[in-house]
Amino acid sequence: MVGLILISHSAGLAAEVAALATCIAGERVRIAACGGTGDGRTGTSVDLIDQAVTQVDEGDGVVLIPDLGSSVLTARLLVEPGRVVLADVPFVEGAIAAAVAAAGGAPLATVLSAAEEARTQRKL
């Protein structure tokens, strides 16, 4: 199953979006909330993200979903084409779409595509 890593400047935000995605997609999905720095400050940590990749990677690939700014730059450091990919998506909607696709057993490219489709979904 494809794993997901939610990367935010805020540990609380990452954890809540991960909880919501898990609630909607089911407990089977491998989702890591990766927010804040190693010492609890606001920001991002390449080391925490790298640990999370190891945690959720079951061999089918990992999708990194960053919130904004430097989390995108930090996530780019860990991209490995075909194994660890970066999603350019809205944080909440992209996470949910990716989680649902992953829960259905979709391959990495399909999970990434599902997350990316969230960018164009209108609410009204």
PDB file of N, CA and C in Angstrom:
ATOM      1  N   MET A   1       0.842  -1.183   0.000  1.00  0.00           N
ATOM      2  CA  MET A   1       0.000   0.000   0.000  1.00  0.00           C
ATOM      3  C   MET A   1       0.888   1.248   0.000  1.00  0.00           C
ATOM      4  N   VAL A   2       0.480   2.248  -0.755  1.00  0.00           N
ATOM      5  CA  VAL A   2       1.196   3.519  -0.814  1.00  0.00           C
ATOM      6  C   VAL A   2       1.052   4.230   0.531  1.00  0.00           C
ATOM      7  N   GLY A   3       2.163   4.761   1.029  1.00  0.00           N
ATOM      8  CA  GLY A   3       2.153   5.520   2.279  1.00  0.00           C
ATOM      9  C   GLY A   3       2.049   7.011   2.009  1.00  0.00           C
ATOM     10  N   LEU A   4       1.555   7.740   2.997  1.00  0.00           N
ATOM     11  CA  LEU A   4       1.396   9.192   2.881  1.00  0.00           C
ATOM     12  C   LEU A   4       2.102   9.883   4.029  1.00  0.00           C
ATOM     13  N   ILE A   5       2.723  11.008   3.734  1.00  0.00           N
ATOM     14  CA  ILE A   5       3.325  11.835   4.775  1.00  0.00           C
ATOM     15  C   ILE A   5       2.779  13.240   4.631  1.00  0.00           C
ATOM     16  N   LEU A   6       2.153  13.715   5.698  1.00  0.00           N
ATOM     17  CA  LEU A   6       1.584  15.059   5.727  1.00  0.00           C
ATOM     18  C   LEU A   6       2.578  15.964   6.429  1.00  0.00           C
ATOM     19  N   ILE A   7       3.121  16.911   5.667  1.00  0.00           N
ATOM     20  CA  ILE A   7       4.197  17.773   6.158  1.00  0.00           C
ATOM     21  C   ILE A   7       3.654  19.177   6.379  1.00  0.00           C
ATOM     22  N   SER A   8       3.691  19.613   7.630  1.00  0.00           N
ATOM     23  CA  SER A   8       3.202  20.944   7.965  1.00  0.00           C
ATOM     24  C   SER A   8       4.201  21.646   8.864  1.00  0.00           C
ATOM     25  N   HIS A   9       4.107  22.949   8.903  1.00  0.00           N
ATOM     26  CA  HIS A   9       4.898  23.727   9.846  1.00  0.00           C
ATOM     27  C   HIS A   9       4.395  23.514  11.274  1.00  0.00           C
ATOM     28  N   SER A  10       3.177  23.033  11.393  1.00  0.00           N
ATOM     29  CA  SER A  10       2.525  22.842  12.686  1.00  0.00           C
ATOM     30  C   SER A  10       2.297  21.357  12.957  1.00  0.00           C
ATOM     31  N   ALA A  11       2.827  20.870  14.064  1.00  0.00           N
ATOM     32  CA  ALA A  11       2.615  19.465  14.440  1.00  0.00           C
ATOM     33  C   ALA A  11       1.128  19.188  14.638  1.00  0.00           C
ATOM     34  N   GLY A  12       0.418  20.123  15.253  1.00  0.00           N
ATOM     35  CA  GLY A  12      -1.007  19.951  15.493  1.00  0.00           C
ATOM     36  C   GLY A  12      -1.811  19.866  14.208  1.00  0.00           C
ATOM     37  N   LEU A  13      -1.506  20.724  13.256  1.00  0.00           N
ATOM     38  CA  LEU A  13      -2.215  20.706  11.974  1.00  0.00           C
ATOM     39  C   LEU A  13      -1.972  19.389  11.246  1.00  0.00           C
ATOM     40  N   ALA A  14      -0.727  18.952  11.180  1.00  0.00           N
ATOM     41  CA  ALA A  14      -0.412  17.689  10.511  1.00  0.00           C
ATOM     42  C   ALA A  14      -1.143  16.528  11.173  1.00  0.00           C
ATOM     43  N   ALA A  15      -1.165  16.506  12.485  1.00  0.00           N
ATOM     44  CA  ALA A  15      -1.821  15.420  13.220  1.00  0.00           C
ATOM     45  C   ALA A  15      -3.328  15.419  12.991  1.00  0.00           C
ATOM     46  N   GLU A  16      -3.946  16.576  12.980  1.00  0.00           N
ATOM     47  CA  GLU A  16      -5.403  16.648  12.784  1.00  0.00           C
ATOM     48  C   GLU A  16      -5.805  16.262  11.366  1.00  0.00           C
ATOM     49  N   VAL A  17      -5.042  16.684  10.371  1.00  0.00           N
ATOM     50  CA  VAL A  17      -5.364  16.309   8.991  1.00  0.00           C
ATOM     51  C   VAL A  17      -5.142  14.804   8.816  1.00  0.00           C
ATOM     52  N   ALA A  18      -4.101  14.267   9.424  1.00  0.00           N
ATOM     53  CA  ALA A  18      -3.871  12.816   9.367  1.00  0.00           C
ATOM     54  C   ALA A  18      -5.029  12.065  10.027  1.00  0.00           C
ATOM     55  N   ALA A  19      -5.514  12.565  11.151  1.00  0.00           N
ATOM     56  CA  ALA A  19      -6.642  11.927  11.845  1.00  0.00           C
ATOM     57  C   ALA A  19      -7.898  11.967  10.983  1.00  0.00           C
ATOM     58  N   LEU A  20      -8.152  13.098  10.338  1.00  0.00           N
ATOM     59  CA  LEU A  20      -9.317  13.224   9.467  1.00  0.00           C
ATOM     60  C   LEU A  20      -9.209  12.270   8.272  1.00  0.00           C
ATOM     61  N   ALA A  21      -8.050  12.232   7.637  1.00  0.00           N
ATOM     62  CA  ALA A  21      -7.850  11.347   6.483  1.00  0.00           C
ATOM     63  C   ALA A  21      -8.006   9.881   6.890  1.00  0.00           C
ATOM     64  N   THR A  22      -7.496   9.535   8.050  1.00  0.00           N
ATOM     65  CA  THR A  22      -7.628   8.161   8.546  1.00  0.00           C
ATOM     66  C   THR A  22      -9.084   7.836   8.845  1.00  0.00           C
ATOM     67  N   CYS A  23      -9.802   8.779   9.415  1.00  0.00           N
ATOM     68  CA  CYS A  23     -11.220   8.583   9.717  1.00  0.00           C
ATOM     69  C   CYS A  23     -12.012   8.324   8.436  1.00  0.00           C
ATOM     70  N   ILE A  24     -11.698   9.043   7.386  1.00  0.00           N
ATOM     71  CA  ILE A  24     -12.434   8.910   6.128  1.00  0.00           C
ATOM     72  C   ILE A  24     -11.979   7.681   5.336  1.00  0.00           C
ATOM     73  N   ALA A  25     -10.670   7.448   5.260  1.00  0.00           N
ATOM     74  CA  ALA A  25     -10.136   6.376   4.417  1.00  0.00           C
ATOM     75  C   ALA A  25     -10.006   5.041   5.142  1.00  0.00           C
ATOM     76  N   GLY A  26      -9.932   5.071   6.453  1.00  0.00           N
ATOM     77  CA  GLY A  26      -9.796   3.838   7.219  1.00  0.00           C
ATOM     78  C   GLY A  26      -8.422   3.680   7.837  1.00  0.00           C
ATOM     79  N   GLU A  27      -8.383   2.852   8.849  1.00  0.00           N
ATOM     80  CA  GLU A  27      -7.159   2.641   9.634  1.00  0.00           C
ATOM     81  C   GLU A  27      -6.051   1.936   8.859  1.00  0.00           C
ATOM     82  N   ARG A  28      -6.395   1.286   7.773  1.00  0.00           N
ATOM     83  CA  ARG A  28      -5.415   0.513   7.016  1.00  0.00           C
ATOM     84  C   ARG A  28      -4.366   1.384   6.324  1.00  0.00           C
ATOM     85  N   VAL A  29      -4.724   2.599   6.006  1.00  0.00           N
ATOM     86  CA  VAL A  29      -3.824   3.501   5.284  1.00  0.00           C
ATOM     87  C   VAL A  29      -2.661   3.903   6.180  1.00  0.00           C
ATOM     88  N   ARG A  30      -1.467   3.893   5.601  1.00  0.00           N
ATOM     89  CA  ARG A  30      -0.249   4.289   6.318  1.00  0.00           C
ATOM     90  C   ARG A  30      -0.057   5.797   6.139  1.00  0.00           C
ATOM     91  N   ILE A  31      -0.364   6.569   7.189  1.00  0.00           N
ATOM     92  CA  ILE A  31      -0.231   8.023   7.141  1.00  0.00           C
ATOM     93  C   ILE A  31       0.636   8.471   8.308  1.00  0.00           C
ATOM     94  N   ALA A  32       1.642   9.272   8.009  1.00  0.00           N
ATOM     95  CA  ALA A  32       2.479   9.867   9.053  1.00  0.00           C
ATOM     96  C   ALA A  32       2.252  11.369   9.066  1.00  0.00           C
ATOM     97  N   ALA A  33       1.999  11.901  10.244  1.00  0.00           N
ATOM     98  CA  ALA A  33       1.908  13.344  10.433  1.00  0.00           C
ATOM     99  C   ALA A  33       3.300  13.828  10.785  1.00  0.00           C
ATOM    100  N   CYS A  34       3.807  14.746   9.999  1.00  0.00           N
ATOM    101  CA  CYS A  34       5.177  15.204  10.177  1.00  0.00           C
ATOM    102  C   CYS A  34       5.172  16.726  10.238  1.00  0.00           C
ATOM    103  N   GLY A  35       4.888  17.250  11.420  1.00  0.00           N
ATOM    104  CA  GLY A  35       4.803  18.692  11.572  1.00  0.00           C
ATOM    105  C   GLY A  35       5.777  19.217  12.608  1.00  0.00           C
ATOM    106  N   GLY A  36       6.240  20.417  12.363  1.00  0.00           N
ATOM    107  CA  GLY A  36       7.138  21.065  13.311  1.00  0.00           C
ATOM    108  C   GLY A  36       8.564  20.547  13.201  1.00  0.00           C
ATOM    109  N   THR A  37       9.374  21.016  14.119  1.00  0.00           N
ATOM    110  CA  THR A  37      10.789  20.641  14.153  1.00  0.00           C
ATOM    111  C   THR A  37      11.018  19.591  15.239  1.00  0.00           C
ATOM    112  N   GLY A  38      12.204  19.036  15.264  1.00  0.00           N
ATOM    113  CA  GLY A  38      12.547  18.011  16.244  1.00  0.00           C
ATOM    114  C   GLY A  38      12.468  18.484  17.681  1.00  0.00           C
ATOM    115  N   ASP A  39      12.629  19.782  17.889  1.00  0.00           N
ATOM    116  CA  ASP A  39      12.575  20.313  19.254  1.00  0.00           C
ATOM    117  C   ASP A  39      11.240  21.004  19.562  1.00  0.00           C
ATOM    118  N   GLY A  40      10.229  20.723  18.734  1.00  0.00           N
ATOM    119  CA  GLY A  40       8.880  21.194  19.026  1.00  0.00           C
ATOM    120  C   GLY A  40       8.521  22.581  18.533  1.00  0.00           C
ATOM    121  N   ARG A  41       9.401  23.218  17.790  1.00  0.00           N
ATOM    122  CA  ARG A  41       9.090  24.550  17.270  1.00  0.00           C
ATOM    123  C   ARG A  41       8.294  24.453  15.973  1.00  0.00           C
ATOM    124  N   THR A  42       7.752  25.573  15.549  1.00  0.00           N
ATOM    125  CA  THR A  42       7.082  25.660  14.258  1.00  0.00           C
ATOM    126  C   THR A  42       8.148  25.597  13.174  1.00  0.00           C
ATOM    127  N   GLY A  43       7.879  24.832  12.132  1.00  0.00           N
ATOM    128  CA  GLY A  43       8.832  24.684  11.037  1.00  0.00           C
ATOM    129  C   GLY A  43       8.773  23.278  10.488  1.00  0.00           C
ATOM    130  N   THR A  44       9.800  22.897   9.749  1.00  0.00           N
ATOM    131  CA  THR A  44       9.864  21.549   9.199  1.00  0.00           C
ATOM    132  C   THR A  44      11.247  20.970   9.431  1.00  0.00           C
ATOM    133  N   SER A  45      11.339  19.651   9.391  1.00  0.00           N
ATOM    134  CA  SER A  45      12.598  18.970   9.656  1.00  0.00           C
ATOM    135  C   SER A  45      12.807  17.857   8.635  1.00  0.00           C
ATOM    136  N   VAL A  46      13.880  17.945   7.878  1.00  0.00           N
ATOM    137  CA  VAL A  46      14.182  16.907   6.904  1.00  0.00           C
ATOM    138  C   VAL A  46      14.410  15.571   7.613  1.00  0.00           C
ATOM    139  N   ASP A  47      14.976  15.595   8.810  1.00  0.00           N
ATOM    140  CA  ASP A  47      15.213  14.349   9.546  1.00  0.00           C
ATOM    141  C   ASP A  47      13.901  13.681   9.944  1.00  0.00           C
ATOM    142  N   LEU A  48      12.931  14.466  10.414  1.00  0.00           N
ATOM    143  CA  LEU A  48      11.633  13.893  10.791  1.00  0.00           C
ATOM    144  C   LEU A  48      10.904  13.328   9.575  1.00  0.00           C
ATOM    145  N   ILE A  49      11.002  14.026   8.465  1.00  0.00           N
ATOM    146  CA  ILE A  49      10.346  13.547   7.239  1.00  0.00           C
ATOM    147  C   ILE A  49      11.016  12.263   6.763  1.00  0.00           C
ATOM    148  N   ASP A  50      12.338  12.224   6.809  1.00  0.00           N
ATOM    149  CA  ASP A  50      13.072  11.030   6.394  1.00  0.00           C
ATOM    150  C   ASP A  50      12.683   9.821   7.260  1.00  0.00           C
ATOM    151  N   GLN A  51      12.557  10.031   8.559  1.00  0.00           N
ATOM    152  CA  GLN A  51      12.122   8.955   9.464  1.00  0.00           C
ATOM    153  C   GLN A  51      10.710   8.504   9.115  1.00  0.00           C
ATOM    154  N   ALA A  52       9.855   9.458   8.781  1.00  0.00           N
ATOM    155  CA  ALA A  52       8.473   9.137   8.426  1.00  0.00           C
ATOM    156  C   ALA A  52       8.411   8.320   7.139  1.00  0.00           C
ATOM    157  N   VAL A  53       9.275   8.623   6.169  1.00  0.00           N
ATOM    158  CA  VAL A  53       9.315   7.842   4.928  1.00  0.00           C
ATOM    159  C   VAL A  53       9.588   6.382   5.266  1.00  0.00           C
ATOM    160  N   THR A  54      10.571   6.137   6.104  1.00  0.00           N
ATOM    161  CA  THR A  54      10.896   4.766   6.516  1.00  0.00           C
ATOM    162  C   THR A  54       9.712   4.112   7.218  1.00  0.00           C
ATOM    163  N   GLN A  55       9.014   4.897   8.009  1.00  0.00           N
ATOM    164  CA  GLN A  55       7.876   4.396   8.789  1.00  0.00           C
ATOM    165  C   GLN A  55       6.705   3.939   7.914  1.00  0.00           C
ATOM    166  N   VAL A  56       6.379   4.686   6.872  1.00  0.00           N
ATOM    167  CA  VAL A  56       5.178   4.374   6.080  1.00  0.00           C
ATOM    168  C   VAL A  56       5.458   3.601   4.796  1.00  0.00           C
ATOM    169  N   ASP A  57       6.715   3.465   4.415  1.00  0.00           N
ATOM    170  CA  ASP A  57       7.048   2.818   3.148  1.00  0.00           C
ATOM    171  C   ASP A  57       6.943   1.306   3.272  1.00  0.00           C
ATOM    172  N   GLU A  58       5.965   0.746   2.564  1.00  0.00           N
ATOM    173  CA  GLU A  58       5.786  -0.709   2.536  1.00  0.00           C
ATOM    174  C   GLU A  58       6.261  -1.288   1.209  1.00  0.00           C
ATOM    175  N   GLY A  59       6.956  -0.478   0.415  1.00  0.00           N
ATOM    176  CA  GLY A  59       7.474  -0.942  -0.859  1.00  0.00           C
ATOM    177  C   GLY A  59       6.674  -0.507  -2.073  1.00  0.00           C
ATOM    178  N   ASP A  60       5.524   0.139  -1.831  1.00  0.00           N
ATOM    179  CA  ASP A  60       4.682   0.581  -2.942  1.00  0.00           C
ATOM    180  C   ASP A  60       4.825   2.068  -3.235  1.00  0.00           C
ATOM    181  N   GLY A  61       5.658   2.753  -2.478  1.00  0.00           N
ATOM    182  CA  GLY A  61       5.892   4.172  -2.680  1.00  0.00           C
ATOM    183  C   GLY A  61       5.288   5.029  -1.594  1.00  0.00           C
ATOM    184  N   VAL A  62       5.699   6.293  -1.601  1.00  0.00           N
ATOM    185  CA  VAL A  62       5.276   7.259  -0.595  1.00  0.00           C
ATOM    186  C   VAL A  62       4.956   8.577  -1.281  1.00  0.00           C
ATOM    187  N   VAL A  63       3.843   9.190  -0.876  1.00  0.00           N
ATOM    188  CA  VAL A  63       3.469  10.510  -1.375  1.00  0.00           C
ATOM    189  C   VAL A  63       3.692  11.521  -0.258  1.00  0.00           C
ATOM    190  N   LEU A  64       4.469  12.547  -0.545  1.00  0.00           N
ATOM    191  CA  LEU A  64       4.702  13.652   0.383  1.00  0.00           C
ATOM    192  C   LEU A  64       3.701  14.756   0.073  1.00  0.00           C
ATOM    193  N   ILE A  65       2.975  15.199   1.100  1.00  0.00           N
ATOM    194  CA  ILE A  65       1.984  16.266   0.923  1.00  0.00           C
ATOM    195  C   ILE A  65       2.343  17.399   1.883  1.00  0.00           C
ATOM    196  N   PRO A  66       3.002  18.445   1.373  1.00  0.00           N
ATOM    197  CA  PRO A  66       3.397  19.572   2.216  1.00  0.00           C
ATOM    198  C   PRO A  66       2.305  20.645   2.284  1.00  0.00           C
ATOM    199  N   ASP A  67       2.361  21.470   3.336  1.00  0.00           N
ATOM    200  CA  ASP A  67       1.366  22.538   3.422  1.00  0.00           C
ATOM    201  C   ASP A  67       1.773  23.760   2.610  1.00  0.00           C
ATOM    202  N   LEU A  68       2.895  24.373   2.852  1.00  0.00           N
ATOM    203  CA  LEU A  68       3.274  25.578   2.119  1.00  0.00           C
ATOM    204  C   LEU A  68       4.738  25.935   2.329  1.00  0.00           C
ATOM    205  N   GLY A  69       5.207  26.844   1.501  1.00  0.00           N
ATOM    206  CA  GLY A  69       6.527  27.444   1.660  1.00  0.00           C
ATOM    207  C   GLY A  69       7.674  26.477   1.864  1.00  0.00           C
ATOM    208  N   SER A  70       8.365  26.622   2.987  1.00  0.00           N
ATOM    209  CA  SER A  70       9.572  25.842   3.215  1.00  0.00           C
ATOM    210  C   SER A  70       9.300  24.350   3.400  1.00  0.00           C
ATOM    211  N   SER A  71       8.070  23.968   3.709  1.00  0.00           N
ATOM    212  CA  SER A  71       7.796  22.525   3.800  1.00  0.00           C
ATOM    213  C   SER A  71       7.924  21.885   2.421  1.00  0.00           C
ATOM    214  N   VAL A  72       7.603  22.643   1.378  1.00  0.00           N
ATOM    215  CA  VAL A  72       7.762  22.151   0.009  1.00  0.00           C
ATOM    216  C   VAL A  72       9.251  21.997  -0.297  1.00  0.00           C
ATOM    217  N   LEU A  73      10.027  23.004   0.059  1.00  0.00           N
ATOM    218  CA  LEU A  73      11.471  22.949  -0.188  1.00  0.00           C
ATOM    219  C   LEU A  73      12.110  21.796   0.570  1.00  0.00           C
ATOM    220  N   THR A  74      11.709  21.591   1.808  1.00  0.00           N
ATOM    221  CA  THR A  74      12.249  20.500   2.617  1.00  0.00           C
ATOM    222  C   THR A  74      11.852  19.155   2.025  1.00  0.00           C
ATOM    223  N   ALA A  75      10.597  19.010   1.622  1.00  0.00           N
ATOM    224  CA  ALA A  75      10.125  17.751   1.043  1.00  0.00           C
ATOM    225  C   ALA A  75      10.881  17.421  -0.240  1.00  0.00           C
ATOM    226  N   ARG A  76      11.213  18.426  -1.025  1.00  0.00           N
ATOM    227  CA  ARG A  76      11.933  18.193  -2.288  1.00  0.00           C
ATOM    228  C   ARG A  76      13.265  17.476  -2.069  1.00  0.00           C
ATOM    229  N   LEU A  77      13.848  17.654  -0.900  1.00  0.00           N
ATOM    230  CA  LEU A  77      15.132  17.020  -0.601  1.00  0.00           C
ATOM    231  C   LEU A  77      15.023  15.498  -0.518  1.00  0.00           C
ATOM    232  N   LEU A  78      13.808  14.995  -0.307  1.00  0.00           N
ATOM    233  CA  LEU A  78      13.619  13.560  -0.103  1.00  0.00           C
ATOM    234  C   LEU A  78      12.970  12.844  -1.283  1.00  0.00           C
ATOM    235  N   VAL A  79      12.690  13.566  -2.344  1.00  0.00           N
ATOM    236  CA  VAL A  79      12.056  12.957  -3.521  1.00  0.00           C
ATOM    237  C   VAL A  79      13.009  11.949  -4.155  1.00  0.00           C
ATOM    238  N   GLU A  80      12.463  10.772  -4.455  1.00  0.00           N
ATOM    239  CA  GLU A  80      13.172   9.717  -5.185  1.00  0.00           C
ATOM    240  C   GLU A  80      12.211   9.243  -6.264  1.00  0.00           C
ATOM    241  N   PRO A  81      12.379   9.691  -7.497  1.00  0.00           N
ATOM    242  CA  PRO A  81      11.429   9.356  -8.552  1.00  0.00           C
ATOM    243  C   PRO A  81      11.072   7.862  -8.578  1.00  0.00           C
ATOM    244  N   GLY A  82       9.761   7.609  -8.653  1.00  0.00           N
ATOM    245  CA  GLY A  82       9.281   6.244  -8.671  1.00  0.00           C
ATOM    246  C   GLY A  82       9.101   5.616  -7.303  1.00  0.00           C
ATOM    247  N   ARG A  83       9.612   6.290  -6.258  1.00  0.00           N
ATOM    248  CA  ARG A  83       9.483   5.752  -4.901  1.00  0.00           C
ATOM    249  C   ARG A  83       8.893   6.763  -3.931  1.00  0.00           C
ATOM    250  N   VAL A  84       9.445   7.966  -3.897  1.00  0.00           N
ATOM    251  CA  VAL A  84       8.958   9.026  -3.021  1.00  0.00           C
ATOM    252  C   VAL A  84       8.657  10.226  -3.896  1.00  0.00           C
ATOM    253  N   VAL A  85       7.368  10.597  -3.967  1.00  0.00           N
ATOM    254  CA  VAL A  85       6.947  11.674  -4.860  1.00  0.00           C
ATOM    255  C   VAL A  85       6.327  12.816  -4.059  1.00  0.00           C
ATOM    256  N   LEU A  86       6.382  13.995  -4.647  1.00  0.00           N
ATOM    257  CA  LEU A  86       5.870  15.206  -4.013  1.00  0.00           C
ATOM    258  C   LEU A  86       4.578  15.624  -4.698  1.00  0.00           C
ATOM    259  N   ALA A  87       3.535  15.844  -3.905  1.00  0.00           N
ATOM    260  CA  ALA A  87       2.235  16.230  -4.442  1.00  0.00           C
ATOM    261  C   ALA A  87       2.042  17.736  -4.308  1.00  0.00           C
ATOM    262  N   ASP A  88       1.709  18.387  -5.408  1.00  0.00           N
ATOM    263  CA  ASP A  88       1.399  19.817  -5.433  1.00  0.00           C
ATOM    264  C   ASP A  88      -0.118  19.942  -5.322  1.00  0.00           C
ATOM    265  N   VAL A  89      -0.614  19.891  -4.080  1.00  0.00           N
ATOM    266  CA  VAL A  89      -2.050  19.801  -3.839  1.00  0.00           C
ATOM    267  C   VAL A  89      -2.457  20.640  -2.637  1.00  0.00           C
ATOM    268  N   PRO A  90      -3.750  20.985  -2.537  1.00  0.00           N
ATOM    269  CA  PRO A  90      -4.224  21.613  -1.306  1.00  0.00           C
ATOM    270  C   PRO A  90      -4.052  20.608  -0.165  1.00  0.00           C
ATOM    271  N   PHE A  91      -3.607  21.080   0.970  1.00  0.00           N
ATOM    272  CA  PHE A  91      -3.189  20.197   2.062  1.00  0.00           C
ATOM    273  C   PHE A  91      -4.289  19.243   2.521  1.00  0.00           C
ATOM    274  N   VAL A  92      -5.432  19.749   2.898  1.00  0.00           N
ATOM    275  CA  VAL A  92      -6.490  18.892   3.440  1.00  0.00           C
ATOM    276  C   VAL A  92      -7.127  18.049   2.341  1.00  0.00           C
ATOM    277  N   GLU A  93      -7.581  18.687   1.279  1.00  0.00           N
ATOM    278  CA  GLU A  93      -8.280  17.972   0.218  1.00  0.00           C
ATOM    279  C   GLU A  93      -7.376  16.946  -0.460  1.00  0.00           C
ATOM    280  N   GLY A  94      -6.124  17.324  -0.688  1.00  0.00           N
ATOM    281  CA  GLY A  94      -5.179  16.403  -1.309  1.00  0.00           C
ATOM    282  C   GLY A  94      -4.887  15.201  -0.422  1.00  0.00           C
ATOM    283  N   ALA A  95      -4.762  15.450   0.873  1.00  0.00           N
ATOM    284  CA  ALA A  95      -4.504  14.353   1.814  1.00  0.00           C
ATOM    285  C   ALA A  95      -5.651  13.358   1.830  1.00  0.00           C
ATOM    286  N   ILE A  96      -6.870  13.865   1.831  1.00  0.00           N
ATOM    287  CA  ILE A  96      -8.045  12.978   1.870  1.00  0.00           C
ATOM    288  C   ILE A  96      -8.147  12.183   0.573  1.00  0.00           C
ATOM    289  N   ALA A  97      -7.989  12.847  -0.555  1.00  0.00           N
ATOM    290  CA  ALA A  97      -8.080  12.152  -1.838  1.00  0.00           C
ATOM    291  C   ALA A  97      -6.994  11.077  -1.956  1.00  0.00           C
ATOM    292  N   ALA A  98      -5.781  11.407  -1.544  1.00  0.00           N
ATOM    293  CA  ALA A  98      -4.687  10.433  -1.597  1.00  0.00           C
ATOM    294  C   ALA A  98      -4.960   9.262  -0.661  1.00  0.00           C
ATOM    295  N   ALA A  99      -5.464   9.547   0.523  1.00  0.00           N
ATOM    296  CA  ALA A  99      -5.738   8.486   1.500  1.00  0.00           C
ATOM    297  C   ALA A  99      -6.807   7.525   0.989  1.00  0.00           C
ATOM    298  N   VAL A 100      -7.851   8.060   0.386  1.00  0.00           N
ATOM    299  CA  VAL A 100      -8.924   7.208  -0.148  1.00  0.00           C
ATOM    300  C   VAL A 100      -8.380   6.331  -1.280  1.00  0.00           C
ATOM    301  N   ALA A 101      -7.581   6.912  -2.166  1.00  0.00           N
ATOM    302  CA  ALA A 101      -7.008   6.134  -3.263  1.00  0.00           C
ATOM    303  C   ALA A 101      -6.060   5.060  -2.735  1.00  0.00           C
ATOM    304  N   ALA A 102      -5.230   5.424  -1.777  1.00  0.00           N
ATOM    305  CA  ALA A 102      -4.301   4.449  -1.195  1.00  0.00           C
ATOM    306  C   ALA A 102      -5.056   3.322  -0.503  1.00  0.00           C
ATOM    307  N   ALA A 103      -6.124   3.662   0.206  1.00  0.00           N
ATOM    308  CA  ALA A 103      -6.925   2.648   0.908  1.00  0.00           C
ATOM    309  C   ALA A 103      -7.531   1.654  -0.074  1.00  0.00           C
ATOM    310  N   GLY A 104      -7.798   2.101  -1.284  1.00  0.00           N
ATOM    311  CA  GLY A 104      -8.352   1.228  -2.314  1.00  0.00           C
ATOM    312  C   GLY A 104      -7.297   0.377  -3.004  1.00  0.00           C
ATOM    313  N   GLY A 105      -6.038   0.532  -2.587  1.00  0.00           N
ATOM    314  CA  GLY A 105      -4.965  -0.274  -3.162  1.00  0.00           C
ATOM    315  C   GLY A 105      -4.383   0.272  -4.445  1.00  0.00           C
ATOM    316  N   ALA A 106      -4.646   1.546  -4.743  1.00  0.00           N
ATOM    317  CA  ALA A 106      -4.138   2.149  -5.978  1.00  0.00           C
ATOM    318  C   ALA A 106      -2.611   2.233  -5.956  1.00  0.00           C
ATOM    319  N   PRO A 107      -1.980   2.138  -7.128  1.00  0.00           N
ATOM    320  CA  PRO A 107      -0.529   2.293  -7.211  1.00  0.00           C
ATOM    321  C   PRO A 107      -0.119   3.757  -7.014  1.00  0.00           C
ATOM    322  N   LEU A 108       1.165   3.965  -6.829  1.00  0.00           N
ATOM    323  CA  LEU A 108       1.710   5.288  -6.526  1.00  0.00           C
ATOM    324  C   LEU A 108       1.239   6.368  -7.501  1.00  0.00           C
ATOM    325  N   ALA A 109       1.337   6.134  -8.789  1.00  0.00           N
ATOM    326  CA  ALA A 109       0.946   7.146  -9.785  1.00  0.00           C
ATOM    327  C   ALA A 109      -0.527   7.505  -9.662  1.00  0.00           C
ATOM    328  N   THR A 110      -1.369   6.540  -9.356  1.00  0.00           N
ATOM    329  CA  THR A 110      -2.800   6.791  -9.223  1.00  0.00           C
ATOM    330  C   THR A 110      -3.112   7.551  -7.943  1.00  0.00           C
ATOM    331  N   VAL A 111      -2.417   7.232  -6.862  1.00  0.00           N
ATOM    332  CA  VAL A 111      -2.609   7.959  -5.600  1.00  0.00           C
ATOM    333  C   VAL A 111      -2.198   9.416  -5.794  1.00  0.00           C
ATOM    334  N   LEU A 112      -1.065   9.636  -6.448  1.00  0.00           N
ATOM    335  CA  LEU A 112      -0.615  10.999  -6.720  1.00  0.00           C
ATOM    336  C   LEU A 112      -1.625  11.726  -7.597  1.00  0.00           C
ATOM    337  N   SER A 113      -2.116  11.079  -8.626  1.00  0.00           N
ATOM    338  CA  SER A 113      -3.101  11.684  -9.524  1.00  0.00           C
ATOM    339  C   SER A 113      -4.394  12.040  -8.792  1.00  0.00           C
ATOM    340  N   ALA A 114      -4.854  11.155  -7.920  1.00  0.00           N
ATOM    341  CA  ALA A 114      -6.068  11.428  -7.140  1.00  0.00           C
ATOM    342  C   ALA A 114      -5.871  12.654  -6.268  1.00  0.00           C
ATOM    343  N   ALA A 115      -4.704  12.748  -5.634  1.00  0.00           N
ATOM    344  CA  ALA A 115      -4.415  13.924  -4.804  1.00  0.00           C
ATOM    345  C   ALA A 115      -4.399  15.185  -5.656  1.00  0.00           C
ATOM    346  N   GLU A 116      -3.784  15.113  -6.826  1.00  0.00           N
ATOM    347  CA  GLU A 116      -3.683  16.287  -7.698  1.00  0.00           C
ATOM    348  C   GLU A 116      -5.037  16.739  -8.231  1.00  0.00           C
ATOM    349  N   GLU A 117      -5.964  15.806  -8.409  1.00  0.00           N
ATOM    350  CA  GLU A 117      -7.307  16.180  -8.864  1.00  0.00           C
ATOM    351  C   GLU A 117      -8.020  17.052  -7.827  1.00  0.00           C
ATOM    352  N   ALA A 118      -7.624  16.939  -6.575  1.00  0.00           N
ATOM    353  CA  ALA A 118      -8.239  17.749  -5.523  1.00  0.00           C
ATOM    354  C   ALA A 118      -8.003  19.242  -5.766  1.00  0.00           C
ATOM    355  N   ARG A 119      -6.963  19.566  -6.509  1.00  0.00           N
ATOM    356  CA  ARG A 119      -6.636  20.966  -6.795  1.00  0.00           C
ATOM    357  C   ARG A 119      -7.731  21.641  -7.626  1.00  0.00           C
ATOM    358  N   THR A 120      -8.435  20.861  -8.427  1.00  0.00           N
ATOM    359  CA  THR A 120      -9.422  21.449  -9.320  1.00  0.00           C
ATOM    360  C   THR A 120     -10.873  21.235  -8.868  1.00  0.00           C
ATOM    361  N   GLN A 121     -11.071  20.577  -7.764  1.00  0.00           N
ATOM    362  CA  GLN A 121     -12.431  20.319  -7.279  1.00  0.00           C
ATOM    363  C   GLN A 121     -13.024  21.579  -6.652  1.00  0.00           C
ATOM    364  N   ARG A 122     -14.113  22.013  -7.200  1.00  0.00           N
ATOM    365  CA  ARG A 122     -14.786  23.200  -6.676  1.00  0.00           C
ATOM    366  C   ARG A 122     -15.680  22.805  -5.495  1.00  0.00           C
ATOM    367  N   LYS A 123     -15.882  23.723  -4.597  1.00  0.00           N
ATOM    368  CA  LYS A 123     -16.738  23.474  -3.437  1.00  0.00           C
ATOM    369  C   LYS A 123     -18.151  23.979  -3.649  1.00  0.00           C
ATOM    370  N   LEU A 124     -18.327  24.892  -4.560  1.00  0.00           N
ATOM    371  CA  LEU A 124     -19.663  25.441  -4.851  1.00  0.00           C
ATOM    372  C   LEU A 124     -19.993  25.250  -6.320  1.00  0.00           C
TER     373      LEU A 124
END
